[in-house]
Amino acid sequence: MNVARVAILEAFAPETQGRIRGLAGPRLSIGFAESDNLEDRARALDGAQYAVVRSVKMPADLLDRAPDLRMIHQWGTGTDGIPLSEAAARGIVVARSPGLNAPSVADLALALMLTCLRRVVVGDRLIRGGAWAEPDLYEIGRDLTGARVGLLGYGAIAAEVAKRLRGFDCEVVYHRPSGPVPGLPGYLPFDDFISDLDVLSLHAPSTAATRKIIDAGRIAAMRRGTVIVNTARGELVDEAALAAGLHAGQIGAAGLDVFDPEPLAAESPLRSAPNTVFSAHSGGRTRENFARIVRHWAGNIRRHADGLPIEAPCLVALP
């Protein structure tokens, strides 16, 4: 039986390591980085033919420590943490698991929308402090039902979000830098898109074109009180401008699962901004999604080890 050596370049608790090994199956010999520091990740790569990268970025110089590496597989979809050019130069295949995270991340996006609009965290803190409901809640509490929601970016996650929003009778519009999705109504040019929303939900990848696409100018152009939800990448948002918009009331609330950098910096102005709900890049972190993702990347690694083709959508086009 052909056994492939796999390095997981992120630290996991022992019980989670056991679950990963059980889901991946006996044909993969899986080793884990003991911590997320660079030297421990380099040691995990020693002799590995395959590497799996999740939320901890893989710097290019790690490739110098992995002469046997044949493929890097992203745990999920976004490959901005993988050194694509350097991998291409070494003939290393890069793969991902497109769309598998989508249901779980979409669920969290809806949860953040509802939490922000209904001010759930504010109410929780009041009650824990001995108070009761906000006295002006009839004025500042808002429904998701019937809201106008804009999706910036439109891939698998945004499509799942749109499907859920239909159950709330929302008016859904979208914009993506590459233009409209063929046959999908609701596309708007960016300036029209961003100017008239109840909720802006971010689903674009992190690229040179999208970095800080939500900046002070775009925030000023939004309808006063717009709620921003980000389950995509922290780099899409100018965090200082967002914090200023929250303090000024231009932005009604923000539900953020991602930050720049991660973890959220101690000095980040978002920490003191009002009307915020944070989660720790946990959109795909559910029991069900964990099993989907591990089985998927393990299957792709087995196929590659056996000399079989990997489905085209899973392969990342290298520069």
Protein backbone atom coordinates (compact mmCIF):
# COMPACT_ATOMS: atom_id res chain seq x y z
CA MET A 1 0.00 0.00 0.00
CA ASN A 2 1.40 3.36 -1.07
CA VAL A 3 1.60 5.65 1.98
CA ALA A 4 1.93 9.42 1.46
CA ARG A 5 3.65 11.59 4.08
CA VAL A 6 1.59 14.69 4.89
CA ALA A 7 2.55 17.71 7.01
CA ILE A 8 -0.21 19.79 8.60
CA LEU A 9 1.36 23.23 8.98
CA GLU A 10 -0.69 24.34 11.96
CA ALA A 11 -0.82 23.22 15.57
CA PHE A 12 -3.81 21.14 16.69
CA ALA A 13 -4.72 19.65 20.04
CA PRO A 14 -3.98 15.90 20.34
CA GLU A 15 -7.66 14.90 20.22
CA THR A 16 -8.13 16.94 17.03
CA GLN A 17 -5.04 15.35 15.51
CA GLY A 18 -6.58 11.96 16.16
CA ARG A 19 -9.81 12.98 14.49
CA ILE A 20 -7.94 14.26 11.43
CA ARG A 21 -6.01 11.02 11.12
CA GLY A 22 -9.22 8.99 11.43
CA LEU A 23 -11.00 11.03 8.75
CA ALA A 24 -8.00 11.01 6.40
CA GLY A 25 -7.59 7.24 6.49
CA PRO A 26 -4.64 4.86 6.90
CA ARG A 27 -2.93 5.59 3.58
CA LEU A 28 -1.79 9.01 4.79
CA SER A 29 1.00 9.30 7.34
CA ILE A 30 0.17 12.65 8.91
CA GLY A 31 2.51 14.78 10.99
CA PHE A 32 1.65 18.05 12.69
CA ALA A 33 3.59 21.19 13.50
CA GLU A 34 4.06 21.32 17.28
CA SER A 35 3.32 25.04 17.23
CA ASP A 36 2.67 27.76 14.68
CA ASN A 37 6.18 29.18 14.83
CA LEU A 38 8.33 28.93 11.72
CA GLU A 39 10.86 26.40 13.00
CA ASP A 40 8.22 23.94 14.17
CA ARG A 41 6.47 24.15 10.81
CA ALA A 42 9.78 23.57 9.03
CA ARG A 43 10.40 20.45 11.15
CA ALA A 44 6.94 19.13 10.23
CA LEU A 45 7.88 19.43 6.54
CA ASP A 46 10.99 17.27 6.89
CA GLY A 47 10.46 14.36 4.49
CA ALA A 48 6.86 15.36 3.67
CA GLN A 49 5.55 14.95 0.15
CA TYR A 50 2.35 16.87 0.86
CA ALA A 51 1.54 19.91 2.99
CA VAL A 52 -1.83 21.17 4.18
CA VAL A 53 -2.16 24.88 4.96
CA ARG A 54 -5.10 26.33 6.88
CA SER A 55 -5.19 29.80 8.45
CA VAL A 56 -1.47 30.18 9.26
CA LYS A 57 0.34 31.55 6.22
CA MET A 58 3.16 29.59 4.58
CA PRO A 59 6.15 31.84 3.88
CA ALA A 60 8.17 31.12 0.74
CA ASP A 61 11.34 30.23 2.64
CA LEU A 62 9.61 27.17 4.10
CA LEU A 63 9.83 25.61 0.65
CA ASP A 64 13.62 25.56 0.99
CA ARG A 65 13.12 23.20 3.94
CA ALA A 66 10.87 20.81 1.99
CA PRO A 67 12.80 19.31 -0.95
CA ASP A 68 10.42 16.32 -1.21
CA LEU A 69 7.25 18.41 -1.41
CA ARG A 70 5.00 17.54 -4.36
CA MET A 71 1.75 19.32 -3.52
CA ILE A 72 0.41 22.00 -1.16
CA HIS A 73 -3.29 21.72 -0.36
CA GLN A 74 -5.26 24.61 1.10
CA TRP A 75 -7.67 23.68 3.89
CA GLY A 76 -10.58 25.51 2.27
CA THR A 77 -10.59 27.89 -0.65
CA GLY A 78 -8.47 31.03 -0.24
CA THR A 79 -4.83 30.50 -1.26
CA ASP A 80 -3.48 33.97 -0.38
CA GLY A 81 -1.40 32.38 2.40
CA ILE A 82 0.50 30.11 -0.02
CA PRO A 83 3.60 31.28 -1.98
CA LEU A 84 2.18 30.49 -5.40
CA SER A 85 5.03 31.82 -7.57
CA GLU A 86 7.67 30.01 -5.56
CA ALA A 87 5.64 26.79 -5.67
CA ALA A 88 5.34 27.09 -9.44
CA ALA A 89 9.09 27.59 -9.78
CA ARG A 90 9.64 24.30 -7.95
CA GLY A 91 6.98 22.38 -9.89
CA ILE A 92 4.80 21.97 -6.79
CA VAL A 93 1.07 21.51 -7.40
CA VAL A 94 -1.30 23.73 -5.37
CA ALA A 95 -4.84 22.52 -4.71
CA ARG A 96 -7.83 23.65 -2.66
CA SER A 97 -11.34 22.62 -1.60
CA PRO A 98 -13.63 25.03 -3.45
CA GLY A 99 -17.13 25.52 -2.11
CA LEU A 100 -16.94 23.10 0.80
CA ASN A 101 -16.75 25.89 3.38
CA ALA A 102 -19.63 27.76 1.78
CA PRO A 103 -22.62 26.52 3.83
CA SER A 104 -20.86 27.04 7.17
CA VAL A 105 -19.46 30.47 6.32
CA ALA A 106 -22.83 31.57 4.94
CA ASP A 107 -24.51 30.53 8.18
CA LEU A 108 -22.07 32.69 10.14
CA ALA A 109 -22.58 35.65 7.80
CA LEU A 110 -26.33 35.50 8.50
CA ALA A 111 -25.68 35.14 12.22
CA LEU A 112 -23.51 38.27 12.21
CA MET A 113 -26.12 40.21 10.24
CA LEU A 114 -28.85 39.30 12.70
CA THR A 115 -26.64 39.91 15.73
CA CYS A 116 -25.72 43.39 14.48
CA LEU A 117 -29.18 44.42 13.34
CA ARG A 118 -30.90 43.16 16.49
CA ARG A 119 -28.06 44.39 18.77
CA VAL A 120 -27.84 41.03 20.49
CA VAL A 121 -24.39 41.57 21.99
CA VAL A 122 -25.33 45.02 23.32
CA GLY A 123 -28.39 43.57 25.00
CA ASP A 124 -26.43 40.66 26.45
CA ARG A 125 -23.92 43.04 28.04
CA LEU A 126 -26.66 45.23 29.50
CA ILE A 127 -28.39 42.29 31.16
CA ARG A 128 -25.13 40.86 32.53
CA GLY A 129 -24.40 44.30 33.99
CA GLY A 130 -27.72 44.40 35.83
CA ALA A 131 -29.63 46.57 33.36
CA TRP A 132 -32.36 45.62 30.91
CA ALA A 133 -33.22 46.53 27.31
CA GLU A 134 -31.82 49.61 25.57
CA PRO A 135 -34.45 52.33 26.04
CA ASP A 136 -34.39 53.38 22.37
CA LEU A 137 -34.41 49.87 20.90
CA TYR A 138 -37.57 50.62 18.92
CA GLU A 139 -35.56 53.23 17.06
CA ILE A 140 -32.22 51.48 16.58
CA GLY A 141 -33.16 47.78 16.42
CA ARG A 142 -33.68 46.66 12.81
CA ASP A 143 -35.09 43.72 10.88
CA LEU A 144 -33.17 41.60 8.42
CA THR A 145 -36.53 40.75 6.85
CA GLY A 146 -37.04 42.98 3.84
CA ALA A 147 -33.57 44.56 4.07
CA ARG A 148 -31.51 45.54 1.05
CA VAL A 149 -28.34 43.46 1.27
CA GLY A 150 -25.32 43.92 -0.97
CA LEU A 151 -22.85 41.11 -1.62
CA LEU A 152 -19.38 42.27 -2.61
CA GLY A 153 -17.97 39.34 -4.54
CA TYR A 154 -20.05 36.45 -5.80
CA GLY A 155 -18.60 32.98 -5.43
CA ALA A 156 -19.85 29.86 -3.69
CA ILE A 157 -20.18 31.52 -0.26
CA ALA A 158 -22.04 34.56 -1.56
CA ALA A 159 -24.40 32.28 -3.49
CA GLU A 160 -25.18 30.40 -0.25
CA VAL A 161 -25.74 33.71 1.56
CA ALA A 162 -28.12 34.87 -1.18
CA LYS A 163 -30.06 31.60 -0.91
CA ARG A 164 -30.53 32.14 2.82
CA LEU A 165 -31.49 35.78 2.40
CA ARG A 166 -34.35 34.81 0.11
CA GLY A 167 -35.99 33.26 3.17
CA PHE A 168 -35.92 36.73 4.78
CA ASP A 169 -37.51 38.38 1.71
CA CYS A 170 -34.38 40.51 1.29
CA GLU A 171 -33.58 42.52 -1.79
CA VAL A 172 -30.19 41.15 -2.78
CA VAL A 173 -27.81 43.06 -5.06
CA TYR A 174 -24.19 42.30 -5.82
CA HIS A 175 -20.99 43.58 -7.32
CA ARG A 176 -17.81 41.79 -8.27
CA PRO A 177 -14.70 43.28 -9.88
CA SER A 178 -14.83 40.83 -12.78
CA GLY A 179 -18.35 41.90 -13.76
CA PRO A 180 -21.80 40.31 -13.55
CA VAL A 181 -22.37 36.59 -13.22
CA PRO A 182 -23.86 35.43 -16.55
CA GLY A 183 -27.61 35.10 -16.18
CA LEU A 184 -27.71 36.34 -12.57
CA PRO A 185 -29.76 39.51 -12.01
CA GLY A 186 -28.97 42.07 -9.33
CA TYR A 187 -25.53 43.22 -10.49
CA LEU A 188 -24.72 46.91 -9.98
CA PRO A 189 -21.69 49.07 -10.79
CA PHE A 190 -19.67 49.64 -7.64
CA ASP A 191 -20.67 53.24 -6.87
CA ASP A 192 -24.37 52.47 -7.31
CA PHE A 193 -24.00 49.22 -5.41
CA ILE A 194 -22.39 50.63 -2.29
CA SER A 195 -24.46 53.78 -1.87
CA ASP A 196 -27.85 52.37 -0.88
CA LEU A 197 -27.64 49.31 1.38
CA ASP A 198 -28.92 48.22 4.76
CA VAL A 199 -26.21 45.54 4.98
CA LEU A 200 -22.94 45.14 3.08
CA SER A 201 -21.57 41.59 3.22
CA LEU A 202 -18.02 41.00 1.95
CA HIS A 203 -17.17 37.87 -0.05
CA ALA A 204 -14.32 38.93 -2.34
CA PRO A 205 -10.86 37.34 -2.37
CA SER A 206 -7.84 39.30 -1.18
CA THR A 207 -6.07 40.69 -4.25
CA ALA A 208 -4.21 43.85 -5.16
CA ALA A 209 -7.50 45.22 -6.55
CA THR A 210 -9.57 44.47 -3.45
CA ARG A 211 -7.13 45.37 -0.68
CA LYS A 212 -8.80 48.06 1.46
CA ILE A 213 -11.60 48.36 -1.08
CA ILE A 214 -13.72 49.48 1.88
CA ASP A 215 -11.83 52.64 2.81
CA ALA A 216 -12.76 56.04 4.22
CA GLY A 217 -14.08 57.28 0.88
CA ARG A 218 -16.31 54.25 0.32
CA ILE A 219 -17.57 54.39 3.90
CA ALA A 220 -18.50 58.06 3.45
CA ALA A 221 -20.41 57.13 0.28
CA MET A 222 -22.59 54.58 2.09
CA ARG A 223 -26.04 55.23 3.45
CA ARG A 224 -25.76 56.34 7.07
CA GLY A 225 -26.26 53.36 9.39
CA THR A 226 -25.15 50.65 6.93
CA VAL A 227 -24.11 47.44 8.65
CA ILE A 228 -20.87 45.82 7.42
CA VAL A 229 -20.28 42.08 7.72
CA ASN A 230 -16.93 40.56 6.73
CA THR A 231 -16.43 36.80 6.56
CA ALA A 232 -13.96 36.98 3.65
CA ARG A 233 -10.55 38.55 4.34
CA GLY A 234 -9.52 41.29 6.75
CA GLU A 235 -7.43 42.94 4.04
CA LEU A 236 -10.61 44.10 2.27
CA VAL A 237 -11.27 46.72 4.96
CA ASP A 238 -9.33 49.76 6.16
CA GLU A 239 -9.82 49.02 9.84
CA ALA A 240 -8.97 52.53 11.02
CA ALA A 241 -11.54 53.99 8.62
CA LEU A 242 -14.13 51.44 9.74
CA ALA A 243 -13.52 52.26 13.41
CA ALA A 244 -13.91 55.97 12.65
CA GLY A 245 -17.13 55.28 10.77
CA LEU A 246 -18.51 53.31 13.72
CA HIS A 247 -17.65 56.05 16.21
CA ALA A 248 -19.31 58.65 13.94
CA GLY A 249 -22.45 56.56 13.40
CA GLN A 250 -21.89 56.47 9.63
CA ILE A 251 -21.59 52.70 9.99
CA GLY A 252 -24.40 51.31 12.13
CA ALA A 253 -22.58 48.16 13.22
CA ALA A 254 -19.90 45.73 12.07
CA GLY A 255 -19.82 41.94 12.32
CA LEU A 256 -16.26 40.79 11.66
CA ASP A 257 -14.91 37.25 11.41
CA VAL A 258 -11.63 38.30 9.77
CA PHE A 259 -9.00 40.93 10.51
CA ASP A 260 -5.74 42.37 9.22
CA PRO A 261 -3.55 41.11 10.83
CA GLU A 262 -4.81 38.04 12.65
CA PRO A 263 -5.17 37.69 15.58
CA LEU A 264 -6.66 41.15 16.00
CA ALA A 265 -3.84 43.48 17.03
CA ALA A 266 -3.90 44.72 20.62
CA GLU A 267 -3.67 48.30 19.38
CA SER A 268 -6.39 47.94 16.73
CA PRO A 269 -8.88 50.83 16.84
CA LEU A 270 -11.65 48.29 16.32
CA ARG A 271 -11.25 47.08 19.91
CA SER A 272 -12.77 50.31 21.23
CA ALA A 273 -15.25 50.87 18.40
CA PRO A 274 -18.96 50.70 19.30
CA ASN A 275 -21.55 48.30 17.88
CA THR A 276 -19.12 45.56 16.89
CA VAL A 277 -19.38 41.77 16.96
CA PHE A 278 -16.19 39.75 16.53
CA SER A 279 -15.43 36.10 15.85
CA ALA A 280 -12.00 34.52 15.37
CA HIS A 281 -11.90 33.60 11.66
CA SER A 282 -14.31 30.82 12.53
CA GLY A 283 -16.64 30.83 9.52
CA GLY A 284 -15.69 27.31 8.51
CA ARG A 285 -15.08 25.98 12.00
CA THR A 286 -17.96 23.60 12.55
CA ARG A 287 -17.94 19.89 13.27
CA GLU A 288 -19.72 19.12 10.01
CA ASN A 289 -17.46 21.27 7.86
CA PHE A 290 -14.33 19.89 9.54
CA ALA A 291 -15.21 16.40 8.32
CA ARG A 292 -16.10 17.61 4.80
CA ILE A 293 -12.82 19.45 4.38
CA VAL A 294 -10.50 16.77 5.79
CA ARG A 295 -12.08 14.04 3.69
CA HIS A 296 -11.79 16.24 0.61
CA TRP A 297 -8.11 17.19 0.88
CA ALA A 298 -7.22 13.66 1.94
CA GLY A 299 -8.97 12.31 -1.15
CA ASN A 300 -7.12 14.72 -3.41
CA ILE A 301 -3.78 13.76 -1.85
CA ARG A 302 -4.50 10.05 -2.32
CA ARG A 303 -5.40 10.63 -5.96
CA HIS A 304 -2.23 12.60 -6.60
CA ALA A 305 -0.12 9.97 -4.83
CA ASP A 306 -1.68 7.31 -7.08
CA GLY A 307 -0.94 9.31 -10.22
CA LEU A 308 -4.62 10.04 -10.83
CA PRO A 309 -5.97 13.43 -11.97
CA ILE A 310 -7.48 15.90 -9.50
CA GLU A 311 -10.70 17.63 -10.53
CA ALA A 312 -9.93 20.86 -12.37
CA PRO A 313 -11.81 23.22 -9.96
CA CYS A 314 -9.54 22.01 -7.15
CA LEU A 315 -6.33 22.96 -8.96
CA VAL A 316 -4.98 26.47 -8.48
CA ALA A 317 -3.64 28.17 -11.60
CA LEU A 318 -0.05 29.02 -10.73
CA PRO A 319 1.45 32.31 -11.95
